[in-house]
Amino acid sequence: MIKNGEWVIIHRNILKPEERAPQVPDDTKKVPLEMWVKGSLNGDAEIGDEVEITTRTKRIERGTLLEVNPYYKHDFGRFVPELLRVSEQVREILFGGEDNENR
């Protein structure tokens, strides 16, 4: 059970594909316009429930409860050895290498 006042993220479809504006690209017209928004839960609930939240700007939003205490899960991908070599080459070209870093 997720308690009232917990920080959560919800999801809601704003527009169905057939409701999208005619000027949007064709690939965009094929999918719904979706919203994910974070806020404080207004009442106890379970993941998957339709809930109401209050955002930090005091808007009230409704949607499907996805997660408690959401956080960013992105990264910049796996290590690329070539980029390390490029970084060293750039340092050498611009600054004369590591010997001149503190000048």
Protein backbone atom coordinates (compact mmCIF):
# COMPACT_ATOMS: atom_id res chain seq x y z
CA MET A 1 0.00 0.00 0.00
CA ILE A 2 1.35 3.39 -0.97
CA LYS A 3 0.42 6.05 1.54
CA ASN A 4 -1.16 9.45 1.04
CA GLY A 5 1.47 12.15 0.48
CA GLU A 6 4.13 9.85 -1.03
CA TRP A 7 6.07 11.19 -4.05
CA VAL A 8 4.92 9.25 -7.12
CA ILE A 9 4.76 9.26 -10.90
CA ILE A 10 1.57 8.70 -12.88
CA HIS A 11 0.79 8.12 -16.56
CA ARG A 12 -2.18 9.15 -18.68
CA ASN A 13 -3.02 9.17 -22.38
CA ILE A 14 -4.02 12.73 -23.28
CA LEU A 15 -5.11 12.14 -26.90
CA LYS A 16 -5.92 8.98 -28.83
CA PRO A 17 -4.10 8.59 -32.16
CA GLU A 18 -7.24 9.62 -34.10
CA GLU A 19 -7.49 12.80 -32.00
CA ARG A 20 -3.98 14.03 -32.90
CA ALA A 21 -3.62 17.25 -34.90
CA PRO A 22 -3.56 16.76 -38.68
CA GLN A 23 -0.24 18.62 -39.10
CA VAL A 24 1.81 16.26 -36.91
CA PRO A 25 4.14 13.82 -38.72
CA ASP A 26 2.58 10.56 -39.89
CA ASP A 27 4.54 8.39 -37.44
CA THR A 28 3.41 10.65 -34.58
CA LYS A 29 -0.25 10.37 -35.63
CA LYS A 30 -0.08 6.60 -35.07
CA VAL A 31 0.51 6.81 -31.31
CA PRO A 32 -1.35 8.47 -28.44
CA LEU A 33 -0.14 11.68 -26.83
CA GLU A 34 1.03 10.53 -23.40
CA MET A 35 1.81 12.31 -20.14
CA TRP A 36 3.98 11.24 -17.23
CA VAL A 37 3.89 13.56 -14.22
CA LYS A 38 5.24 13.46 -10.67
CA GLY A 39 3.53 14.67 -7.54
CA SER A 40 2.26 13.86 -4.07
CA LEU A 41 -0.33 11.10 -3.88
CA ASN A 42 -3.78 12.24 -2.73
CA GLY A 43 -4.92 9.14 -0.83
CA ASP A 44 -3.65 5.60 -0.29
CA ALA A 45 -3.30 3.42 -3.41
CA GLU A 46 -1.59 0.49 -5.09
CA ILE A 47 0.57 0.45 -8.23
CA GLY A 48 -1.77 0.34 -11.24
CA ASP A 49 -4.62 2.19 -9.52
CA GLU A 50 -6.19 5.28 -11.02
CA VAL A 51 -5.14 8.05 -8.63
CA GLU A 52 -5.06 11.78 -8.11
CA ILE A 53 -1.86 13.66 -7.32
CA THR A 54 -0.88 17.24 -6.53
CA THR A 55 2.14 18.47 -8.47
CA ARG A 56 4.77 20.83 -7.07
CA THR A 57 2.98 23.67 -8.87
CA LYS A 58 -0.27 22.69 -7.06
CA ARG A 59 -1.99 21.27 -10.16
CA ILE A 60 -4.25 18.32 -9.58
CA GLU A 61 -3.69 15.50 -12.10
CA ARG A 62 -5.23 12.06 -12.53
CA GLY A 63 -3.63 8.96 -14.01
CA THR A 64 -2.39 5.44 -13.46
CA LEU A 65 0.04 5.09 -10.57
CA LEU A 66 3.35 3.74 -11.89
CA GLU A 67 6.01 4.13 -9.22
CA VAL A 68 6.83 5.48 -5.76
CA ASN A 69 9.84 7.77 -5.30
CA PRO A 70 10.69 7.83 -9.02
CA TYR A 71 14.22 8.64 -10.09
CA TYR A 72 16.08 9.07 -13.36
CA LYS A 73 17.34 5.77 -14.73
CA HIS A 74 19.11 6.97 -17.86
CA ASP A 75 22.83 6.87 -18.44
CA PHE A 76 25.21 7.76 -21.22
CA GLY A 77 25.70 4.20 -22.44
CA ARG A 78 28.63 1.83 -22.25
CA PHE A 79 32.25 2.89 -22.17
CA VAL A 80 33.65 3.64 -25.64
CA PRO A 81 37.45 3.20 -25.71
CA GLU A 82 37.77 5.31 -28.87
CA LEU A 83 36.39 8.33 -27.02
CA LEU A 84 39.13 8.05 -24.41
CA ARG A 85 41.77 8.17 -27.15
CA VAL A 86 40.02 11.13 -28.81
CA SER A 87 39.94 12.95 -25.47
CA GLU A 88 43.69 12.45 -25.05
CA GLN A 89 44.33 13.65 -28.61
CA VAL A 90 42.22 16.79 -28.07
CA ARG A 91 44.07 17.55 -24.82
CA GLU A 92 47.39 17.19 -26.62
CA ILE A 93 46.33 19.41 -29.54
CA LEU A 94 44.76 22.15 -27.41
CA PHE A 95 46.95 22.20 -24.33
CA GLY A 96 50.17 20.38 -25.17
CA GLY A 97 49.23 17.28 -23.17
CA GLU A 98 49.04 16.48 -19.48
CA ASP A 99 52.29 18.34 -18.64
CA ASN A 100 50.58 21.68 -19.38
CA GLU A 101 47.20 21.06 -17.67
CA ASN A 102 47.72 23.52 -14.79
CA ARG A 103 48.86 26.50 -16.85
